[in-house]
Amino acid sequence: MFEQWKDHPLYQPVLLGAVALLASASLAWANSATSAAIRKAEERDLRDSLSQVLPQGFADNDLAAESAEVAVGAGAPLTVYRARRDGEPQGAVFKVFGKGYGGEIVVLMAVDKAGTLLGARVLRHTETPGLGDKIEAAKSDWIDGFAGRKLDGTMWAVKKDGGDFDQFAGATITPRAVVKAVKEGLETFARHRAEILGESS
């Protein structure tokens, strides 16, 4: 019976369809089985990152639950995490993006309501290991040099270009990109402060 079916002209298409159906079902099951765990891990990573850029005790709300989409120009809206204490706006955390030597650099930065930078952390990059990766807090304390900075009173460039920020030997493009991205983040905050803090009427 099986040998006869093997010789049937529909044998190959039916077999291929069955294999495809089984593969699709397996992928769907794997996706549903792992999506909850992945979502929890992403939420945990977000909360960890938020706590790294804000001083301890700065806010008493759940920042991850206080996210909002804010229109800041013609591009995609900015996702902000609003920091509050006793219900009053204290500042905000949001991502900025720079173009490094190896590609996009994603920086999470926190700003208080006066426009002072509270902290910054690089979330993702593809810079050269041993050179450009010094932007990571785990590799050096370079990123800590942003805390306390404001738009005014800071030369927003690396020292090689007459600015206040150190560059890395052999990897000047990387710190330049981070400095530029953070400065643009502060400029965005200054232009859209009320909307970012949730104070707009």
N, C-alpha and C. Protein backbone atom coordinates (compact mmCIF):
# COMPACT_ATOMS: atom_id res chain seq x y z
N MET A 1 0.84 -1.20 0.00
CA MET A 1 0.00 0.00 0.00
C MET A 1 0.88 1.26 0.00
N PHE A 2 1.87 1.28 0.92
CA PHE A 2 2.77 2.43 1.01
C PHE A 2 3.59 2.59 -0.27
N GLU A 3 4.06 1.46 -0.81
CA GLU A 3 4.85 1.51 -2.04
C GLU A 3 4.03 2.07 -3.19
N GLN A 4 2.74 1.70 -3.23
CA GLN A 4 1.88 2.22 -4.28
C GLN A 4 1.68 3.74 -4.13
N TRP A 5 1.51 4.17 -2.88
CA TRP A 5 1.32 5.59 -2.61
C TRP A 5 2.57 6.40 -2.97
N LYS A 6 3.74 5.80 -2.76
CA LYS A 6 5.00 6.48 -3.09
C LYS A 6 5.09 6.79 -4.57
N ASP A 7 4.50 5.94 -5.38
CA ASP A 7 4.55 6.15 -6.82
C ASP A 7 3.46 7.10 -7.32
N HIS A 8 2.57 7.49 -6.44
CA HIS A 8 1.46 8.37 -6.83
C HIS A 8 2.02 9.77 -7.13
N PRO A 9 1.52 10.47 -8.14
CA PRO A 9 2.04 11.80 -8.49
C PRO A 9 1.86 12.84 -7.39
N LEU A 10 0.90 12.63 -6.48
CA LEU A 10 0.67 13.60 -5.40
C LEU A 10 1.52 13.34 -4.17
N TYR A 11 2.30 12.25 -4.18
CA TYR A 11 3.07 11.86 -2.99
C TYR A 11 4.02 12.98 -2.54
N GLN A 12 4.83 13.50 -3.45
CA GLN A 12 5.82 14.51 -3.09
C GLN A 12 5.15 15.80 -2.58
N PRO A 13 4.14 16.34 -3.30
CA PRO A 13 3.51 17.57 -2.80
C PRO A 13 2.84 17.39 -1.44
N VAL A 14 2.17 16.25 -1.24
CA VAL A 14 1.50 16.00 0.05
C VAL A 14 2.53 15.88 1.17
N LEU A 15 3.62 15.17 0.90
CA LEU A 15 4.68 15.00 1.90
C LEU A 15 5.30 16.35 2.26
N LEU A 16 5.58 17.16 1.24
CA LEU A 16 6.16 18.48 1.47
C LEU A 16 5.21 19.35 2.28
N GLY A 17 3.93 19.29 1.96
CA GLY A 17 2.94 20.06 2.70
C GLY A 17 2.85 19.64 4.15
N ALA A 18 2.92 18.33 4.39
CA ALA A 18 2.86 17.81 5.76
C ALA A 18 4.06 18.27 6.57
N VAL A 19 5.24 18.23 5.96
CA VAL A 19 6.47 18.67 6.64
C VAL A 19 6.38 20.17 6.95
N ALA A 20 5.90 20.96 5.99
CA ALA A 20 5.76 22.40 6.19
C ALA A 20 4.77 22.71 7.31
N LEU A 21 3.67 21.95 7.33
CA LEU A 21 2.65 22.13 8.37
C LEU A 21 3.21 21.80 9.75
N LEU A 22 3.96 20.73 9.83
CA LEU A 22 4.58 20.33 11.10
C LEU A 22 5.59 21.37 11.56
N ALA A 23 6.41 21.88 10.62
CA ALA A 23 7.41 22.90 10.97
C ALA A 23 6.74 24.17 11.45
N SER A 24 5.66 24.59 10.77
CA SER A 24 4.94 25.80 11.18
C SER A 24 4.32 25.64 12.56
N ALA A 25 3.75 24.47 12.81
CA ALA A 25 3.14 24.22 14.13
C ALA A 25 4.20 24.24 15.22
N SER A 26 5.36 23.67 14.93
CA SER A 26 6.45 23.66 15.92
C SER A 26 6.92 25.06 16.22
N LEU A 27 7.09 25.88 15.17
CA LEU A 27 7.53 27.26 15.38
C LEU A 27 6.50 28.06 16.16
N ALA A 28 5.23 27.87 15.85
CA ALA A 28 4.16 28.58 16.56
C ALA A 28 4.15 28.18 18.04
N TRP A 29 4.33 26.90 18.31
CA TRP A 29 4.34 26.44 19.70
C TRP A 29 5.55 27.01 20.44
N ALA A 30 6.72 26.98 19.78
CA ALA A 30 7.93 27.50 20.43
C ALA A 30 7.80 28.99 20.71
N ASN A 31 7.20 29.72 19.76
CA ASN A 31 7.02 31.16 19.95
C ASN A 31 6.10 31.46 21.12
N SER A 32 4.98 30.74 21.19
CA SER A 32 4.04 30.99 22.29
C SER A 32 4.62 30.55 23.63
N ALA A 33 5.45 29.51 23.60
CA ALA A 33 6.03 29.00 24.85
C ALA A 33 7.10 29.93 25.40
N THR A 34 7.78 30.67 24.51
CA THR A 34 8.89 31.52 24.97
C THR A 34 8.55 33.00 25.02
N SER A 35 7.46 33.44 24.40
CA SER A 35 7.17 34.87 24.32
C SER A 35 6.96 35.50 25.70
N ALA A 36 6.31 34.80 26.60
CA ALA A 36 6.08 35.34 27.94
C ALA A 36 7.40 35.53 28.68
N ALA A 37 8.28 34.53 28.55
CA ALA A 37 9.59 34.61 29.22
C ALA A 37 10.42 35.74 28.63
N ILE A 38 10.38 35.89 27.30
CA ILE A 38 11.13 36.97 26.65
C ILE A 38 10.59 38.32 27.09
N ARG A 39 9.26 38.45 27.16
CA ARG A 39 8.65 39.71 27.58
C ARG A 39 9.06 40.07 29.02
N LYS A 40 9.07 39.08 29.89
CA LYS A 40 9.48 39.33 31.28
C LYS A 40 10.95 39.75 31.36
N ALA A 41 11.80 39.09 30.57
CA ALA A 41 13.22 39.44 30.55
C ALA A 41 13.42 40.86 30.04
N GLU A 42 12.68 41.25 29.00
CA GLU A 42 12.77 42.61 28.47
C GLU A 42 12.32 43.64 29.49
N GLU A 43 11.25 43.34 30.21
CA GLU A 43 10.76 44.25 31.26
C GLU A 43 11.79 44.40 32.37
N ARG A 44 12.41 43.28 32.75
CA ARG A 44 13.43 43.32 33.79
C ARG A 44 14.64 44.14 33.34
N ASP A 45 15.07 43.93 32.08
CA ASP A 45 16.20 44.70 31.55
C ASP A 45 15.88 46.19 31.51
N LEU A 46 14.65 46.52 31.12
CA LEU A 46 14.25 47.93 31.06
C LEU A 46 14.29 48.55 32.45
N ARG A 47 13.74 47.86 33.44
CA ARG A 47 13.73 48.40 34.80
C ARG A 47 15.16 48.56 35.33
N ASP A 48 16.03 47.60 35.03
CA ASP A 48 17.43 47.70 35.45
C ASP A 48 18.10 48.93 34.82
N SER A 49 17.85 49.12 33.52
CA SER A 49 18.46 50.24 32.80
C SER A 49 17.94 51.58 33.34
N LEU A 50 16.65 51.65 33.61
CA LEU A 50 16.08 52.88 34.15
C LEU A 50 16.70 53.23 35.51
N SER A 51 16.91 52.22 36.33
CA SER A 51 17.48 52.47 37.66
C SER A 51 18.95 52.89 37.58
N GLN A 52 19.64 52.53 36.50
CA GLN A 52 21.05 52.88 36.36
C GLN A 52 21.27 54.34 35.99
N VAL A 53 20.30 54.97 35.33
CA VAL A 53 20.49 56.36 34.91
C VAL A 53 19.87 57.37 35.86
N LEU A 54 19.13 56.90 36.85
CA LEU A 54 18.51 57.79 37.82
C LEU A 54 19.16 57.63 39.20
N PRO A 55 19.40 58.72 39.90
CA PRO A 55 19.91 58.61 41.28
C PRO A 55 18.90 57.87 42.15
N GLN A 56 19.40 57.15 43.12
CA GLN A 56 18.52 56.40 44.03
C GLN A 56 17.61 57.36 44.78
N GLY A 57 16.32 57.03 44.81
CA GLY A 57 15.35 57.86 45.51
C GLY A 57 14.86 59.06 44.71
N PHE A 58 15.32 59.20 43.47
CA PHE A 58 14.92 60.36 42.66
C PHE A 58 13.42 60.34 42.37
N ALA A 59 12.88 59.15 42.14
CA ALA A 59 11.46 59.02 41.83
C ALA A 59 10.85 57.92 42.69
N ASP A 60 9.53 58.02 42.94
CA ASP A 60 8.87 56.98 43.72
C ASP A 60 7.79 56.25 42.91
N ASN A 61 7.73 56.53 41.61
CA ASN A 61 6.74 55.86 40.77
C ASN A 61 7.40 54.73 39.97
N ASP A 62 6.57 53.92 39.34
CA ASP A 62 7.05 52.85 38.48
C ASP A 62 7.27 53.43 37.09
N LEU A 63 8.52 53.76 36.75
CA LEU A 63 8.81 54.43 35.50
C LEU A 63 8.38 53.61 34.29
N ALA A 64 8.57 52.31 34.37
CA ALA A 64 8.21 51.46 33.23
C ALA A 64 6.72 51.55 32.91
N ALA A 65 5.92 51.82 33.94
CA ALA A 65 4.47 51.95 33.75
C ALA A 65 4.07 53.37 33.37
N GLU A 66 5.01 54.30 33.45
CA GLU A 66 4.73 55.71 33.16
C GLU A 66 5.29 56.11 31.80
N SER A 67 5.26 55.21 30.85
CA SER A 67 5.78 55.54 29.53
C SER A 67 4.73 56.28 28.71
N ALA A 68 5.21 57.11 27.80
CA ALA A 68 4.32 57.87 26.93
C ALA A 68 5.01 58.10 25.60
N GLU A 69 4.21 58.23 24.55
CA GLU A 69 4.73 58.55 23.22
C GLU A 69 4.55 60.06 23.02
N VAL A 70 5.67 60.75 22.74
CA VAL A 70 5.64 62.19 22.59
C VAL A 70 6.10 62.58 21.18
N ALA A 71 5.30 63.37 20.49
CA ALA A 71 5.69 63.85 19.16
C ALA A 71 6.73 64.96 19.32
N VAL A 72 7.91 64.75 18.74
CA VAL A 72 8.99 65.72 18.88
C VAL A 72 9.51 66.21 17.53
N GLY A 73 8.77 65.94 16.49
CA GLY A 73 9.20 66.36 15.16
C GLY A 73 8.49 65.54 14.11
N ALA A 74 9.09 65.53 12.92
CA ALA A 74 8.46 64.83 11.80
C ALA A 74 8.65 63.32 11.86
N GLY A 75 9.63 62.86 12.63
CA GLY A 75 9.93 61.43 12.69
C GLY A 75 9.02 60.67 13.64
N ALA A 76 9.50 59.50 14.02
CA ALA A 76 8.74 58.66 14.95
C ALA A 76 8.63 59.33 16.31
N PRO A 77 7.54 59.09 17.04
CA PRO A 77 7.41 59.70 18.37
C PRO A 77 8.47 59.17 19.33
N LEU A 78 8.79 59.96 20.33
CA LEU A 78 9.78 59.62 21.33
C LEU A 78 9.09 58.91 22.49
N THR A 79 9.59 57.72 22.85
CA THR A 79 9.07 57.02 24.03
C THR A 79 9.79 57.55 25.26
N VAL A 80 9.04 58.12 26.19
CA VAL A 80 9.64 58.67 27.41
C VAL A 80 9.08 57.94 28.63
N TYR A 81 9.92 57.83 29.65
CA TYR A 81 9.54 57.25 30.93
C TYR A 81 9.61 58.38 31.95
N ARG A 82 8.44 58.76 32.46
CA ARG A 82 8.35 59.92 33.33
C ARG A 82 8.64 59.57 34.77
N ALA A 83 9.55 60.34 35.37
CA ALA A 83 9.91 60.15 36.77
C ALA A 83 9.10 61.12 37.63
N ARG A 84 8.41 60.58 38.63
CA ARG A 84 7.59 61.41 39.51
C ARG A 84 7.93 61.10 40.98
N ARG A 85 7.72 62.11 41.81
CA ARG A 85 7.82 61.90 43.26
C ARG A 85 6.63 62.61 43.89
N ASP A 86 5.86 61.86 44.67
CA ASP A 86 4.61 62.38 45.25
C ASP A 86 3.69 62.93 44.16
N GLY A 87 3.73 62.29 43.00
CA GLY A 87 2.86 62.68 41.90
C GLY A 87 3.35 63.83 41.05
N GLU A 88 4.42 64.50 41.49
CA GLU A 88 4.94 65.66 40.76
C GLU A 88 6.05 65.26 39.80
N PRO A 89 6.07 65.82 38.58
CA PRO A 89 7.12 65.49 37.61
C PRO A 89 8.50 65.90 38.13
N GLN A 90 9.44 64.99 38.02
CA GLN A 90 10.81 65.25 38.44
C GLN A 90 11.79 65.22 37.26
N GLY A 91 11.44 64.46 36.24
CA GLY A 91 12.32 64.33 35.09
C GLY A 91 11.81 63.25 34.16
N ALA A 92 12.65 62.86 33.22
CA ALA A 92 12.26 61.84 32.25
C ALA A 92 13.48 61.07 31.76
N VAL A 93 13.20 59.86 31.29
CA VAL A 93 14.24 59.01 30.72
C VAL A 93 13.79 58.65 29.30
N PHE A 94 14.72 58.70 28.37
CA PHE A 94 14.40 58.34 26.99
C PHE A 94 15.67 57.91 26.25
N LYS A 95 15.46 57.30 25.09
CA LYS A 95 16.58 56.82 24.28
C LYS A 95 16.95 57.86 23.23
N VAL A 96 18.26 57.92 22.96
CA VAL A 96 18.77 58.70 21.83
C VAL A 96 19.65 57.79 21.00
N PHE A 97 19.90 58.19 19.76
CA PHE A 97 20.60 57.31 18.83
C PHE A 97 21.74 58.05 18.14
N GLY A 98 22.87 57.39 18.06
CA GLY A 98 24.03 57.96 17.38
C GLY A 98 24.53 57.00 16.32
N LYS A 99 25.33 57.54 15.39
CA LYS A 99 25.91 56.73 14.33
C LYS A 99 27.39 56.58 14.60
N GLY A 100 27.78 55.40 15.10
CA GLY A 100 29.18 55.15 15.41
C GLY A 100 29.94 54.56 14.25
N TYR A 101 31.15 54.10 14.53
CA TYR A 101 31.99 53.51 13.49
C TYR A 101 31.39 52.20 12.99
N GLY A 102 30.81 51.42 13.91
CA GLY A 102 30.28 50.11 13.55
C GLY A 102 28.78 50.09 13.29
N GLY A 103 28.11 51.22 13.45
CA GLY A 103 26.66 51.24 13.24
C GLY A 103 25.96 52.05 14.31
N GLU A 104 24.69 51.75 14.54
CA GLU A 104 23.88 52.52 15.47
C GLU A 104 24.29 52.29 16.92
N ILE A 105 24.32 53.38 17.67
CA ILE A 105 24.57 53.33 19.12
C ILE A 105 23.29 53.83 19.80
N VAL A 106 22.77 53.04 20.72
CA VAL A 106 21.55 53.41 21.44
C VAL A 106 21.93 53.79 22.87
N VAL A 107 21.57 54.99 23.26
CA VAL A 107 21.91 55.51 24.59
C VAL A 107 20.62 55.84 25.35
N LEU A 108 20.54 55.39 26.58
CA LEU A 108 19.43 55.75 27.47
C LEU A 108 19.92 56.89 28.35
N MET A 109 19.17 57.99 28.37
CA MET A 109 19.59 59.14 29.17
C MET A 109 18.45 59.63 30.05
N ALA A 110 18.82 60.16 31.21
CA ALA A 110 17.85 60.69 32.16
C ALA A 110 18.13 62.18 32.37
N VAL A 111 17.05 62.96 32.39
CA VAL A 111 17.16 64.41 32.55
C VAL A 111 16.19 64.85 33.64
N ASP A 112 16.64 65.75 34.53
CA ASP A 112 15.70 66.25 35.52
C ASP A 112 14.88 67.40 34.92
N LYS A 113 13.91 67.91 35.66
CA LYS A 113 12.99 68.89 35.09
C LYS A 113 13.66 70.22 34.78
N ALA A 114 14.86 70.44 35.32
CA ALA A 114 15.60 71.67 35.02
C ALA A 114 16.49 71.51 33.79
N GLY A 115 16.53 70.30 33.23
CA GLY A 115 17.35 70.07 32.04
C GLY A 115 18.76 69.61 32.34
N THR A 116 19.01 69.18 33.57
CA THR A 116 20.33 68.65 33.93
C THR A 116 20.36 67.15 33.65
N LEU A 117 21.42 66.72 33.03
CA LEU A 117 21.58 65.29 32.71
C LEU A 117 21.91 64.53 33.99
N LEU A 118 21.09 63.55 34.32
CA LEU A 118 21.29 62.77 35.55
C LEU A 118 22.18 61.56 35.33
N GLY A 119 22.14 61.01 34.13
CA GLY A 119 22.95 59.83 33.83
C GLY A 119 22.68 59.35 32.43
N ALA A 120 23.60 58.54 31.93
CA ALA A 120 23.46 57.96 30.58
C ALA A 120 24.08 56.58 30.59
N ARG A 121 23.51 55.69 29.79
CA ARG A 121 24.03 54.33 29.63
C ARG A 121 23.85 53.89 28.19
N VAL A 122 24.87 53.27 27.64
CA VAL A 122 24.77 52.71 26.29
C VAL A 122 24.06 51.37 26.39
N LEU A 123 22.95 51.25 25.69
CA LEU A 123 22.16 50.03 25.70
C LEU A 123 22.60 49.03 24.63
N ARG A 124 22.99 49.58 23.47
CA ARG A 124 23.33 48.68 22.36
C ARG A 124 24.30 49.38 21.42
N HIS A 125 25.27 48.62 20.91
CA HIS A 125 26.21 49.16 19.92
C HIS A 125 26.91 48.00 19.22
N THR A 126 27.60 48.32 18.14
CA THR A 126 28.39 47.32 17.41
C THR A 126 29.79 47.86 17.17
N GLU A 127 30.30 48.61 18.14
CA GLU A 127 31.63 49.19 18.00
C GLU A 127 32.73 48.15 18.22
N THR A 128 33.94 48.49 17.82
CA THR A 128 35.06 47.55 17.87
C THR A 128 35.43 47.18 19.30
N PRO A 129 35.44 45.89 19.63
CA PRO A 129 35.85 45.46 20.97
C PRO A 129 37.28 45.92 21.28
N GLY A 130 37.46 46.40 22.50
CA GLY A 130 38.78 46.85 22.91
C GLY A 130 39.08 48.29 22.55
N LEU A 131 38.26 48.89 21.69
CA LEU A 131 38.44 50.29 21.31
C LEU A 131 37.16 51.07 21.59
N GLY A 132 36.20 50.92 20.70
CA GLY A 132 34.95 51.66 20.84
C GLY A 132 34.06 51.20 21.96
N ASP A 133 34.26 49.99 22.45
CA ASP A 133 33.36 49.49 23.50
C ASP A 133 33.60 50.13 24.86
N LYS A 134 34.54 51.08 24.94
CA LYS A 134 34.76 51.80 26.20
C LYS A 134 33.60 52.73 26.55
N ILE A 135 32.64 52.84 25.64
CA ILE A 135 31.43 53.61 25.95
C ILE A 135 30.52 52.85 26.91
N GLU A 136 30.77 51.56 27.08
CA GLU A 136 29.98 50.74 28.00
C GLU A 136 30.42 50.99 29.44
N ALA A 137 29.45 51.09 30.34
CA ALA A 137 29.77 51.30 31.76
C ALA A 137 30.57 50.14 32.33
N ALA A 138 30.39 48.95 31.78
CA ALA A 138 31.11 47.77 32.28
C ALA A 138 32.57 47.78 31.85
N LYS A 139 32.92 48.57 30.84
CA LYS A 139 34.29 48.59 30.32
C LYS A 139 35.11 49.77 30.81
N SER A 140 34.44 50.90 31.08
CA SER A 140 35.15 52.08 31.59
C SER A 140 34.14 53.02 32.24
N ASP A 141 34.66 54.04 32.92
CA ASP A 141 33.76 55.00 33.56
C ASP A 141 33.52 56.24 32.68
N TRP A 142 33.88 56.16 31.41
CA TRP A 142 33.76 57.30 30.50
C TRP A 142 32.33 57.83 30.46
N ILE A 143 31.35 56.96 30.39
CA ILE A 143 29.95 57.37 30.26
C ILE A 143 29.46 58.13 31.50
N ASP A 144 30.12 57.93 32.65
CA ASP A 144 29.73 58.63 33.87
C ASP A 144 30.00 60.13 33.78
N GLY A 145 30.85 60.54 32.84
CA GLY A 145 31.20 61.95 32.69
C GLY A 145 30.06 62.82 32.19
N PHE A 146 28.94 62.21 31.82
CA PHE A 146 27.79 62.99 31.35
C PHE A 146 26.91 63.48 32.50
N ALA A 147 26.93 62.80 33.62
CA ALA A 147 26.07 63.16 34.75
C ALA A 147 26.38 64.57 35.23
N GLY A 148 25.33 65.36 35.44
CA GLY A 148 25.49 66.73 35.92
C GLY A 148 25.66 67.76 34.82
N ARG A 149 25.79 67.33 33.57
CA ARG A 149 25.98 68.27 32.46
C ARG A 149 24.67 68.93 32.04
N LYS A 150 24.80 70.13 31.50
CA LYS A 150 23.66 70.86 30.94
C LYS A 150 24.03 71.30 29.53
N LEU A 151 23.04 71.76 28.79
CA LEU A 151 23.34 72.29 27.46
C LEU A 151 24.30 73.46 27.56
N ASP A 152 23.98 74.38 28.46
CA ASP A 152 24.85 75.54 28.67
C ASP A 152 26.00 75.17 29.60
N GLY A 153 27.15 75.72 29.33
CA GLY A 153 28.30 75.50 30.20
C GLY A 153 29.08 74.24 29.88
N THR A 154 28.71 73.54 28.84
CA THR A 154 29.43 72.33 28.42
C THR A 154 29.82 72.48 26.96
N MET A 155 31.04 72.14 26.65
CA MET A 155 31.50 72.11 25.25
C MET A 155 31.20 70.70 24.74
N TRP A 156 30.15 70.57 23.95
CA TRP A 156 29.65 69.27 23.53
C TRP A 156 30.44 68.72 22.34
N ALA A 157 31.65 68.34 22.65
CA ALA A 157 32.53 67.71 21.65
C ALA A 157 33.63 66.98 22.41
N VAL A 158 34.35 66.11 21.72
CA VAL A 158 35.50 65.46 22.35
C VAL A 158 36.66 66.46 22.42
N LYS A 159 37.62 66.21 23.28
CA LYS A 159 38.72 67.16 23.49
C LYS A 159 39.51 67.42 22.22
N LYS A 160 39.62 66.42 21.38
CA LYS A 160 40.33 66.57 20.10
C LYS A 160 39.68 67.66 19.24
N ASP A 161 38.36 67.85 19.43
CA ASP A 161 37.62 68.87 18.67
C ASP A 161 37.37 70.13 19.51
N GLY A 162 38.07 70.26 20.63
CA GLY A 162 37.92 71.43 21.48
C GLY A 162 36.83 71.32 22.52
N GLY A 163 36.33 70.11 22.76
CA GLY A 163 35.26 69.91 23.71
C GLY A 163 35.71 69.43 25.08
N ASP A 164 34.74 69.01 25.89
CA ASP A 164 34.99 68.62 27.28
C ASP A 164 35.14 67.11 27.49
N PHE A 165 34.93 66.32 26.45
CA PHE A 165 34.88 64.86 26.63
C PHE A 165 36.11 64.17 26.05
N ASP A 166 36.61 63.21 26.82
CA ASP A 166 37.77 62.43 26.35
C ASP A 166 37.39 61.62 25.11
N GLN A 167 38.37 61.41 24.24
CA GLN A 167 38.20 60.48 23.13
C GLN A 167 39.01 59.23 23.44
N PHE A 168 38.83 58.20 22.64
CA PHE A 168 39.58 56.95 22.82
C PHE A 168 40.63 56.87 21.73
N ALA A 169 41.81 56.41 22.08
CA ALA A 169 42.87 56.23 21.09
C ALA A 169 42.40 55.22 20.03
N GLY A 170 42.41 55.67 18.79
CA GLY A 170 42.03 54.78 17.69
C GLY A 170 40.54 54.63 17.49
N ALA A 171 39.73 55.35 18.26
CA ALA A 171 38.28 55.19 18.13
C ALA A 171 37.54 56.50 18.44
N THR A 172 37.98 57.58 17.83
CA THR A 172 37.38 58.89 18.12
C THR A 172 35.94 58.99 17.64
N ILE A 173 35.62 58.29 16.56
CA ILE A 173 34.27 58.37 16.00
C ILE A 173 33.21 57.94 17.01
N THR A 174 33.54 56.92 17.81
CA THR A 174 32.56 56.37 18.76
C THR A 174 32.17 57.37 19.84
N PRO A 175 33.13 57.96 20.58
CA PRO A 175 32.70 58.94 21.59
C PRO A 175 32.07 60.18 20.97
N ARG A 176 32.52 60.57 19.78
CA ARG A 176 31.88 61.70 19.10
C ARG A 176 30.39 61.43 18.90
N ALA A 177 30.08 60.21 18.47
CA ALA A 177 28.69 59.85 18.20
C ALA A 177 27.84 59.91 19.47
N VAL A 178 28.39 59.43 20.58
CA VAL A 178 27.64 59.43 21.85
C VAL A 178 27.44 60.86 22.34
N VAL A 179 28.50 61.67 22.29
CA VAL A 179 28.40 63.07 22.72
C VAL A 179 27.34 63.80 21.90
N LYS A 180 27.36 63.62 20.59
CA LYS A 180 26.39 64.27 19.70
C LYS A 180 24.97 63.81 20.02
N ALA A 181 24.79 62.51 20.23
CA ALA A 181 23.45 61.98 20.51
C ALA A 181 22.90 62.52 21.82
N VAL A 182 23.73 62.58 22.85
CA VAL A 182 23.28 63.06 24.16
C VAL A 182 22.96 64.56 24.09
N LYS A 183 23.82 65.32 23.39
CA LYS A 183 23.53 66.75 23.23
C LYS A 183 22.20 66.96 22.53
N GLU A 184 21.96 66.19 21.47
CA GLU A 184 20.69 66.31 20.75
C GLU A 184 19.51 65.91 21.63
N GLY A 185 19.74 64.94 22.53
CA GLY A 185 18.70 64.57 23.48
C GLY A 185 18.35 65.71 24.42
N LEU A 186 19.37 66.43 24.91
CA LEU A 186 19.11 67.58 25.77
C LEU A 186 18.41 68.69 25.01
N GLU A 187 18.76 68.87 23.74
CA GLU A 187 18.10 69.88 22.92
C GLU A 187 16.63 69.51 22.70
N THR A 188 16.38 68.23 22.48
CA THR A 188 15.00 67.77 22.32
C THR A 188 14.20 68.02 23.60
N PHE A 189 14.82 67.73 24.74
CA PHE A 189 14.14 67.97 26.02
C PHE A 189 13.83 69.46 26.19
N ALA A 190 14.79 70.31 25.86
CA ALA A 190 14.60 71.75 26.01
C ALA A 190 13.44 72.25 25.14
N ARG A 191 13.33 71.71 23.92
CA ARG A 191 12.29 72.16 22.99
C ARG A 191 10.90 71.62 23.36
N HIS A 192 10.86 70.43 23.96
CA HIS A 192 9.58 69.76 24.21
C HIS A 192 9.43 69.40 25.70
N ARG A 193 9.97 70.23 26.56
CA ARG A 193 10.00 69.93 27.99
C ARG A 193 8.63 69.62 28.57
N ALA A 194 7.65 70.47 28.30
CA ALA A 194 6.31 70.29 28.90
C ALA A 194 5.68 68.98 28.44
N GLU A 195 5.80 68.67 27.14
CA GLU A 195 5.22 67.42 26.63
C GLU A 195 5.93 66.20 27.21
N ILE A 196 7.25 66.28 27.28
CA ILE A 196 8.02 65.13 27.80
C ILE A 196 7.71 64.87 29.26
N LEU A 197 7.58 65.93 30.05
CA LEU A 197 7.28 65.78 31.47
C LEU A 197 5.80 65.50 31.72
N GLY A 198 4.96 65.68 30.71
CA GLY A 198 3.53 65.48 30.89
C GLY A 198 2.85 66.66 31.52
N GLU A 199 3.43 67.85 31.34
CA GLU A 199 2.87 69.06 31.93
C GLU A 199 2.01 69.85 30.96
N SER A 200 1.97 69.42 29.68
CA SER A 200 1.21 70.20 28.70
C SER A 200 -0.27 70.11 28.98
N SER A 201 -0.98 71.17 28.70
CA SER A 201 -2.42 71.21 29.00
C SER A 201 -3.20 70.54 27.89
